[in-house]
């Protein structure tokens, strides 16, 4: 059995908590797919999009806090069954900034003192490789903010050291953490992983992602 000293991956996981943002409404996908939820769309083999995102994030995180909408009980139940701590977004939440802030506040209240960073991923990005999550999380041991870059495009997941959490907890609106990243700067980590820029916005994106192309 490996311990933290002999297995760097275990040390990285102990240092990091995952945050999965899964509170979006996915209106474009629903409009093109008769009201279907893109997070539940099956990948080859039947795994739902959101579960593939969880699997990659779990590789690099000791636990995962997932934030969902109050009216999306199916997603909340699926994430809870997968072992995530499920946080429900305020019904008056105004976008990704509000969702991220709510998740970070929960992490600040519950994270063990050994946790030094959070790794923020999106529930509609199922093709990020596990090794990419590990590399980003590991780099957060030395850098306040770390983001993967593929062919010059910055993507997800993004890691934030604990000192940055209060700024994330104060976010509002629909711009996510852009203002925080702009203020503090991000260390860019070059990766050979198109999945860091590939999300599911429309049914066509599922086909593009299977070909290894960003949606």
C-alpha atoms as a PDB file:
ATOM      1  CA  UNK A   1       0.000   0.000   0.000  1.00  0.00           C
ATOM      2  CA  UNK A   2       1.298   3.458  -0.922  1.00  0.00           C
ATOM      3  CA  UNK A   3       1.407   6.276   1.604  1.00  0.00           C
ATOM      4  CA  UNK A   4       1.600  10.029   1.045  1.00  0.00           C
ATOM      5  CA  UNK A   5       5.387  10.025   1.100  1.00  0.00           C
ATOM      6  CA  UNK A   6       5.870   7.305  -1.495  1.00  0.00           C
ATOM      7  CA  UNK A   7       2.948   8.133  -3.783  1.00  0.00           C
ATOM      8  CA  UNK A   8       2.903  11.755  -5.063  1.00  0.00           C
ATOM      9  CA  UNK A   9      -0.604  11.318  -6.471  1.00  0.00           C
ATOM     10  CA  UNK A  10      -1.980  10.564  -3.011  1.00  0.00           C
ATOM     11  CA  UNK A  11      -0.219  13.621  -1.619  1.00  0.00           C
ATOM     12  CA  UNK A  12      -1.783  15.767  -4.348  1.00  0.00           C
ATOM     13  CA  UNK A  13      -5.274  14.420  -3.625  1.00  0.00           C
ATOM     14  CA  UNK A  14      -4.897  15.082   0.107  1.00  0.00           C
ATOM     15  CA  UNK A  15      -3.879  18.664  -0.691  1.00  0.00           C
ATOM     16  CA  UNK A  16      -6.851  19.379  -2.954  1.00  0.00           C
ATOM     17  CA  UNK A  17     -10.652  19.444  -2.770  1.00  0.00           C
ATOM     18  CA  UNK A  18     -12.687  19.367  -5.968  1.00  0.00           C
ATOM     19  CA  UNK A  19     -15.501  21.754  -6.840  1.00  0.00           C
ATOM     20  CA  UNK A  20     -17.885  20.716  -9.619  1.00  0.00           C
ATOM     21  CA  UNK A  21     -20.168  23.397 -11.023  1.00  0.00           C
ATOM     22  CA  UNK A  22     -23.375  21.712 -12.157  1.00  0.00           C
ATOM     23  CA  UNK A  23     -26.011  24.391 -11.562  1.00  0.00           C
ATOM     24  CA  UNK A  24     -26.376  25.723 -15.104  1.00  0.00           C
ATOM     25  CA  UNK A  25     -29.617  25.433 -17.022  1.00  0.00           C
ATOM     26  CA  UNK A  26     -28.148  24.308 -20.357  1.00  0.00           C
ATOM     27  CA  UNK A  27     -30.803  26.177 -22.317  1.00  0.00           C
ATOM     28  CA  UNK A  28     -29.071  25.858 -25.707  1.00  0.00           C
ATOM     29  CA  UNK A  29     -28.802  22.086 -25.376  1.00  0.00           C
ATOM     30  CA  UNK A  30     -32.371  21.756 -24.090  1.00  0.00           C
ATOM     31  CA  UNK A  31     -33.647  23.926 -26.924  1.00  0.00           C
ATOM     32  CA  UNK A  32     -32.001  21.698 -29.505  1.00  0.00           C
ATOM     33  CA  UNK A  33     -32.781  18.382 -27.793  1.00  0.00           C
ATOM     34  CA  UNK A  34     -36.419  18.601 -26.753  1.00  0.00           C
ATOM     35  CA  UNK A  35     -35.795  19.737 -23.199  1.00  0.00           C
ATOM     36  CA  UNK A  36     -33.128  17.153 -22.366  1.00  0.00           C
ATOM     37  CA  UNK A  37     -30.511  17.865 -19.699  1.00  0.00           C
ATOM     38  CA  UNK A  38     -27.025  17.938 -21.227  1.00  0.00           C
ATOM     39  CA  UNK A  39     -25.457  16.754 -17.957  1.00  0.00           C
ATOM     40  CA  UNK A  40     -27.396  13.506 -18.314  1.00  0.00           C
ATOM     41  CA  UNK A  41     -26.546  12.995 -21.991  1.00  0.00           C
ATOM     42  CA  UNK A  42     -24.848   9.592 -22.418  1.00  0.00           C
ATOM     43  CA  UNK A  43     -21.304   9.250 -23.654  1.00  0.00           C
ATOM     44  CA  UNK A  44     -20.173   6.089 -25.501  1.00  0.00           C
ATOM     45  CA  UNK A  45     -20.666   3.291 -23.005  1.00  0.00           C
ATOM     46  CA  UNK A  46     -23.600   5.058 -21.375  1.00  0.00           C
ATOM     47  CA  UNK A  47     -21.822   7.214 -18.779  1.00  0.00           C
ATOM     48  CA  UNK A  48     -23.649  10.535 -18.303  1.00  0.00           C
ATOM     49  CA  UNK A  49     -21.652  13.671 -19.107  1.00  0.00           C
ATOM     50  CA  UNK A  50     -21.627  14.860 -15.496  1.00  0.00           C
ATOM     51  CA  UNK A  51     -20.431  11.495 -14.172  1.00  0.00           C
ATOM     52  CA  UNK A  52     -17.463  11.518 -16.555  1.00  0.00           C
ATOM     53  CA  UNK A  53     -16.581  14.982 -15.228  1.00  0.00           C
ATOM     54  CA  UNK A  54     -16.778  13.677 -11.656  1.00  0.00           C
ATOM     55  CA  UNK A  55     -14.542  10.700 -12.450  1.00  0.00           C
ATOM     56  CA  UNK A  56     -11.739  12.879 -13.804  1.00  0.00           C
ATOM     57  CA  UNK A  57     -11.945  15.344 -10.931  1.00  0.00           C
ATOM     58  CA  UNK A  58     -11.944  12.586  -8.317  1.00  0.00           C
ATOM     59  CA  UNK A  59      -8.488  11.476  -9.490  1.00  0.00           C
ATOM     60  CA  UNK A  60      -6.974  14.691  -8.116  1.00  0.00           C
ATOM     61  CA  UNK A  61      -9.204  15.558  -5.162  1.00  0.00           C
ATOM     62  CA  UNK A  62      -9.739  14.126  -1.694  1.00  0.00           C
ATOM     63  CA  UNK A  63     -13.449  14.966  -1.915  1.00  0.00           C
ATOM     64  CA  UNK A  64     -15.774  16.726  -4.310  1.00  0.00           C
ATOM     65  CA  UNK A  65     -18.270  19.460  -3.562  1.00  0.00           C
ATOM     66  CA  UNK A  66     -20.863  19.677  -6.337  1.00  0.00           C
ATOM     67  CA  UNK A  67     -23.276  22.573  -6.649  1.00  0.00           C
ATOM     68  CA  UNK A  68     -26.632  22.028  -8.342  1.00  0.00           C
ATOM     69  CA  UNK A  69     -29.932  23.824  -8.851  1.00  0.00           C
ATOM     70  CA  UNK A  70     -32.712  23.295  -6.338  1.00  0.00           C
ATOM     71  CA  UNK A  71     -35.067  22.181  -9.129  1.00  0.00           C
ATOM     72  CA  UNK A  72     -32.703  19.557 -10.544  1.00  0.00           C
ATOM     73  CA  UNK A  73     -33.221  16.657  -8.176  1.00  0.00           C
ATOM     74  CA  UNK A  74     -32.040  14.058 -10.700  1.00  0.00           C
ATOM     75  CA  UNK A  75     -28.573  15.597 -10.955  1.00  0.00           C
ATOM     76  CA  UNK A  76     -28.371  16.124  -7.195  1.00  0.00           C
ATOM     77  CA  UNK A  77     -29.289  12.494  -6.527  1.00  0.00           C
ATOM     78  CA  UNK A  78     -26.807  11.199  -9.103  1.00  0.00           C
ATOM     79  CA  UNK A  79     -23.969  13.263  -7.661  1.00  0.00           C
ATOM     80  CA  UNK A  80     -24.832  12.235  -4.102  1.00  0.00           C
ATOM     81  CA  UNK A  81     -24.789   8.565  -5.131  1.00  0.00           C
ATOM     82  CA  UNK A  82     -21.339   9.186  -6.613  1.00  0.00           C
ATOM     83  CA  UNK A  83     -20.106  10.341  -3.212  1.00  0.00           C
ATOM     84  CA  UNK A  84     -20.101  14.096  -3.813  1.00  0.00           C
ATOM     85  CA  UNK A  85     -21.080  16.619  -1.160  1.00  0.00           C
ATOM     86  CA  UNK A  86     -24.062  18.256  -2.880  1.00  0.00           C
ATOM     87  CA  UNK A  87     -24.724  21.956  -2.282  1.00  0.00           C
ATOM     88  CA  UNK A  88     -27.877  23.555  -3.642  1.00  0.00           C
ATOM     89  CA  UNK A  89     -27.551  26.960  -5.268  1.00  0.00           C
ATOM     90  CA  UNK A  90     -29.702  29.777  -3.972  1.00  0.00           C
ATOM     91  CA  UNK A  91     -32.840  30.108  -6.162  1.00  0.00           C
ATOM     92  CA  UNK A  92     -31.927  33.774  -6.659  1.00  0.00           C
ATOM     93  CA  UNK A  93     -28.399  32.933  -7.843  1.00  0.00           C
ATOM     94  CA  UNK A  94     -27.484  34.899 -10.942  1.00  0.00           C
ATOM     95  CA  UNK A  95     -24.932  32.706 -12.655  1.00  0.00           C
ATOM     96  CA  UNK A  96     -21.625  30.891 -12.412  1.00  0.00           C
ATOM     97  CA  UNK A  97     -20.119  33.458 -10.055  1.00  0.00           C
ATOM     98  CA  UNK A  98     -22.871  32.921  -7.495  1.00  0.00           C
ATOM     99  CA  UNK A  99     -22.609  29.134  -7.840  1.00  0.00           C
ATOM    100  CA  UNK A 100     -18.838  29.112  -7.428  1.00  0.00           C
ATOM    101  CA  UNK A 101     -19.075  31.431  -4.432  1.00  0.00           C
ATOM    102  CA  UNK A 102     -21.619  29.169  -2.723  1.00  0.00           C
ATOM    103  CA  UNK A 103     -19.467  26.084  -3.309  1.00  0.00           C
ATOM    104  CA  UNK A 104     -16.323  27.807  -2.034  1.00  0.00           C
ATOM    105  CA  UNK A 105     -18.094  29.035   1.098  1.00  0.00           C
ATOM    106  CA  UNK A 106     -19.084  25.436   1.807  1.00  0.00           C
ATOM    107  CA  UNK A 107     -15.505  24.297   1.263  1.00  0.00           C
ATOM    108  CA  UNK A 108     -14.194  27.010   3.581  1.00  0.00           C
ATOM    109  CA  UNK A 109     -16.522  25.788   6.313  1.00  0.00           C
ATOM    110  CA  UNK A 110     -15.772  22.090   5.895  1.00  0.00           C
ATOM    111  CA  UNK A 111     -12.259  21.611   4.478  1.00  0.00           C
ATOM    112  CA  UNK A 112      -9.628  19.932   6.601  1.00  0.00           C
ATOM    113  CA  UNK A 113      -6.631  22.078   7.499  1.00  0.00           C
ATOM    114  CA  UNK A 114      -4.438  19.849   5.316  1.00  0.00           C
ATOM    115  CA  UNK A 115      -6.315  20.985   2.209  1.00  0.00           C
ATOM    116  CA  UNK A 116      -4.381  23.768   0.526  1.00  0.00           C
ATOM    117  CA  UNK A 117      -6.215  24.227  -2.779  1.00  0.00           C
ATOM    118  CA  UNK A 118      -9.477  23.674  -4.613  1.00  0.00           C
ATOM    119  CA  UNK A 119      -9.748  22.393  -8.170  1.00  0.00           C
ATOM    120  CA  UNK A 120     -12.715  23.892 -10.013  1.00  0.00           C
ATOM    121  CA  UNK A 121     -14.258  21.914 -12.878  1.00  0.00           C
ATOM    122  CA  UNK A 122     -17.429  22.203 -14.925  1.00  0.00           C
ATOM    123  CA  UNK A 123     -20.072  19.504 -15.030  1.00  0.00           C
ATOM    124  CA  UNK A 124     -20.431  19.769 -18.810  1.00  0.00           C
ATOM    125  CA  UNK A 125     -16.746  19.040 -19.583  1.00  0.00           C
ATOM    126  CA  UNK A 126     -16.513  15.227 -19.661  1.00  0.00           C
ATOM    127  CA  UNK A 127     -13.332  14.729 -21.720  1.00  0.00           C
ATOM    128  CA  UNK A 128     -10.659  16.171 -19.410  1.00  0.00           C
ATOM    129  CA  UNK A 129      -8.057  13.504 -18.757  1.00  0.00           C
ATOM    130  CA  UNK A 130      -7.378  12.365 -15.206  1.00  0.00           C
ATOM    131  CA  UNK A 131      -3.661  13.027 -15.551  1.00  0.00           C
ATOM    132  CA  UNK A 132      -4.415  16.625 -16.515  1.00  0.00           C
ATOM    133  CA  UNK A 133      -6.411  17.117 -13.318  1.00  0.00           C
ATOM    134  CA  UNK A 134      -3.510  15.678 -11.328  1.00  0.00           C
ATOM    135  CA  UNK A 135      -0.963  17.941 -13.018  1.00  0.00           C
ATOM    136  CA  UNK A 136      -3.015  21.082 -12.390  1.00  0.00           C
ATOM    137  CA  UNK A 137      -3.657  20.127  -8.767  1.00  0.00           C
ATOM    138  CA  UNK A 138       0.025  19.305  -8.197  1.00  0.00           C
ATOM    139  CA  UNK A 139       1.121  22.657  -9.636  1.00  0.00           C
ATOM    140  CA  UNK A 140      -1.166  24.409  -7.138  1.00  0.00           C
ATOM    141  CA  UNK A 141       1.240  23.385  -4.386  1.00  0.00           C
ATOM    142  CA  UNK A 142       3.636  26.037  -5.741  1.00  0.00           C
ATOM    143  CA  UNK A 143       1.377  28.563  -7.519  1.00  0.00           C
ATOM    144  CA  UNK A 144      -1.695  30.503  -6.245  1.00  0.00           C
ATOM    145  CA  UNK A 145      -3.768  29.932  -9.400  1.00  0.00           C
ATOM    146  CA  UNK A 146      -3.093  27.316 -12.082  1.00  0.00           C
ATOM    147  CA  UNK A 147      -4.937  26.863 -15.371  1.00  0.00           C
ATOM    148  CA  UNK A 148      -4.300  24.343 -18.170  1.00  0.00           C
ATOM    149  CA  UNK A 149      -3.622  25.655 -21.671  1.00  0.00           C
ATOM    150  CA  UNK A 150      -4.143  23.680 -24.876  1.00  0.00           C
ATOM    151  CA  UNK A 151      -2.862  25.188 -28.139  1.00  0.00           C
ATOM    152  CA  UNK A 152      -2.889  28.663 -26.599  1.00  0.00           C
ATOM    153  CA  UNK A 153      -6.409  28.344 -25.177  1.00  0.00           C
ATOM    154  CA  UNK A 154      -6.904  28.454 -21.431  1.00  0.00           C
ATOM    155  CA  UNK A 155      -9.336  25.877 -20.092  1.00  0.00           C
ATOM    156  CA  UNK A 156     -10.449  23.891 -17.042  1.00  0.00           C
ATOM    157  CA  UNK A 157     -10.020  22.679 -14.375  1.00  0.00           C
ATOM    158  CA  UNK A 158      -8.519  25.683 -12.577  1.00  0.00           C
ATOM    159  CA  UNK A 159      -6.795  25.338  -9.205  1.00  0.00           C
ATOM    160  CA  UNK A 160      -6.886  28.015  -6.496  1.00  0.00           C
ATOM    161  CA  UNK A 161      -4.766  27.992  -3.367  1.00  0.00           C
ATOM    162  CA  UNK A 162      -6.522  28.486  -0.049  1.00  0.00           C
ATOM    163  CA  UNK A 163      -5.420  32.134   0.216  1.00  0.00           C
ATOM    164  CA  UNK A 164      -7.567  32.912  -2.859  1.00  0.00           C
ATOM    165  CA  UNK A 165     -10.745  31.295  -1.520  1.00  0.00           C
ATOM    166  CA  UNK A 166     -12.173  34.420   0.207  1.00  0.00           C
ATOM    167  CA  UNK A 167     -12.073  36.272  -3.120  1.00  0.00           C
ATOM    168  CA  UNK A 168     -13.929  33.406  -4.797  1.00  0.00           C
ATOM    169  CA  UNK A 169     -16.476  33.300  -1.972  1.00  0.00           C
ATOM    170  CA  UNK A 170     -17.385  36.929  -2.683  1.00  0.00           C
ATOM    171  CA  UNK A 171     -18.153  36.419  -6.388  1.00  0.00           C
ATOM    172  CA  UNK A 172     -21.520  37.239  -7.913  1.00  0.00           C
ATOM    173  CA  UNK A 173     -23.020  37.256 -11.391  1.00  0.00           C
ATOM    174  CA  UNK A 174     -22.241  35.146 -14.419  1.00  0.00           C
ATOM    175  CA  UNK A 175     -18.553  35.807 -15.126  1.00  0.00           C
ATOM    176  CA  UNK A 176     -17.193  33.089 -12.857  1.00  0.00           C
ATOM    177  CA  UNK A 177     -13.699  33.638 -11.493  1.00  0.00           C
ATOM    178  CA  UNK A 178     -12.387  35.816 -14.337  1.00  0.00           C
ATOM    179  CA  UNK A 179     -12.018  38.902 -12.165  1.00  0.00           C
ATOM    180  CA  UNK A 180     -10.149  36.940  -9.490  1.00  0.00           C
ATOM    181  CA  UNK A 181      -7.820  35.398 -12.055  1.00  0.00           C
ATOM    182  CA  UNK A 182      -7.215  38.802 -13.659  1.00  0.00           C
ATOM    183  CA  UNK A 183      -6.382  40.352 -10.278  1.00  0.00           C
ATOM    184  CA  UNK A 184      -4.050  37.631  -9.034  1.00  0.00           C
ATOM    185  CA  UNK A 185      -2.743  36.211 -12.299  1.00  0.00           C
ATOM    186  CA  UNK A 186      -2.649  32.557 -13.290  1.00  0.00           C
ATOM    187  CA  UNK A 187       0.204  30.174 -13.931  1.00  0.00           C
ATOM    188  CA  UNK A 188      -0.517  28.524 -17.281  1.00  0.00           C
ATOM    189  CA  UNK A 189       0.249  24.826 -17.598  1.00  0.00           C
ATOM    190  CA  UNK A 190       0.700  23.567 -21.153  1.00  0.00           C
ATOM    191  CA  UNK A 191      -1.162  20.295 -21.679  1.00  0.00           C
ATOM    192  CA  UNK A 192      -1.716  17.942 -24.601  1.00  0.00           C
ATOM    193  CA  UNK A 193      -5.376  17.512 -23.728  1.00  0.00           C
ATOM    194  CA  UNK A 194      -8.110  18.956 -25.938  1.00  0.00           C
ATOM    195  CA  UNK A 195     -10.621  18.080 -23.220  1.00  0.00           C
ATOM    196  CA  UNK A 196      -9.654  21.144 -21.186  1.00  0.00           C
ATOM    197  CA  UNK A 197     -11.395  23.284 -23.817  1.00  0.00           C
ATOM    198  CA  UNK A 198     -14.235  20.938 -24.799  1.00  0.00           C
ATOM    199  CA  UNK A 199     -17.639  21.446 -23.223  1.00  0.00           C
ATOM    200  CA  UNK A 200     -21.123  20.260 -24.118  1.00  0.00           C
ATOM    201  CA  UNK A 201     -23.277  23.179 -25.181  1.00  0.00           C
ATOM    202  CA  UNK A 202     -25.299  21.552 -27.966  1.00  0.00           C
ATOM    203  CA  UNK A 203     -25.934  17.955 -29.067  1.00  0.00           C
ATOM    204  CA  UNK A 204     -23.398  18.485 -31.857  1.00  0.00           C
ATOM    205  CA  UNK A 205     -20.689  19.073 -29.248  1.00  0.00           C
ATOM    206  CA  UNK A 206     -21.029  15.467 -28.121  1.00  0.00           C
ATOM    207  CA  UNK A 207     -19.934  14.337 -31.576  1.00  0.00           C
ATOM    208  CA  UNK A 208     -17.100  16.876 -31.735  1.00  0.00           C
ATOM    209  CA  UNK A 209     -15.827  15.799 -28.318  1.00  0.00           C
ATOM    210  CA  UNK A 210     -15.750  12.171 -29.340  1.00  0.00           C
ATOM    211  CA  UNK A 211     -13.431  13.200 -32.183  1.00  0.00           C
ATOM    212  CA  UNK A 212     -11.163  14.988 -29.703  1.00  0.00           C
ATOM    213  CA  UNK A 213     -12.177  18.467 -30.870  1.00  0.00           C
ATOM    214  CA  UNK A 214     -13.240  21.285 -28.514  1.00  0.00           C
ATOM    215  CA  UNK A 215     -16.944  21.908 -28.699  1.00  0.00           C
END
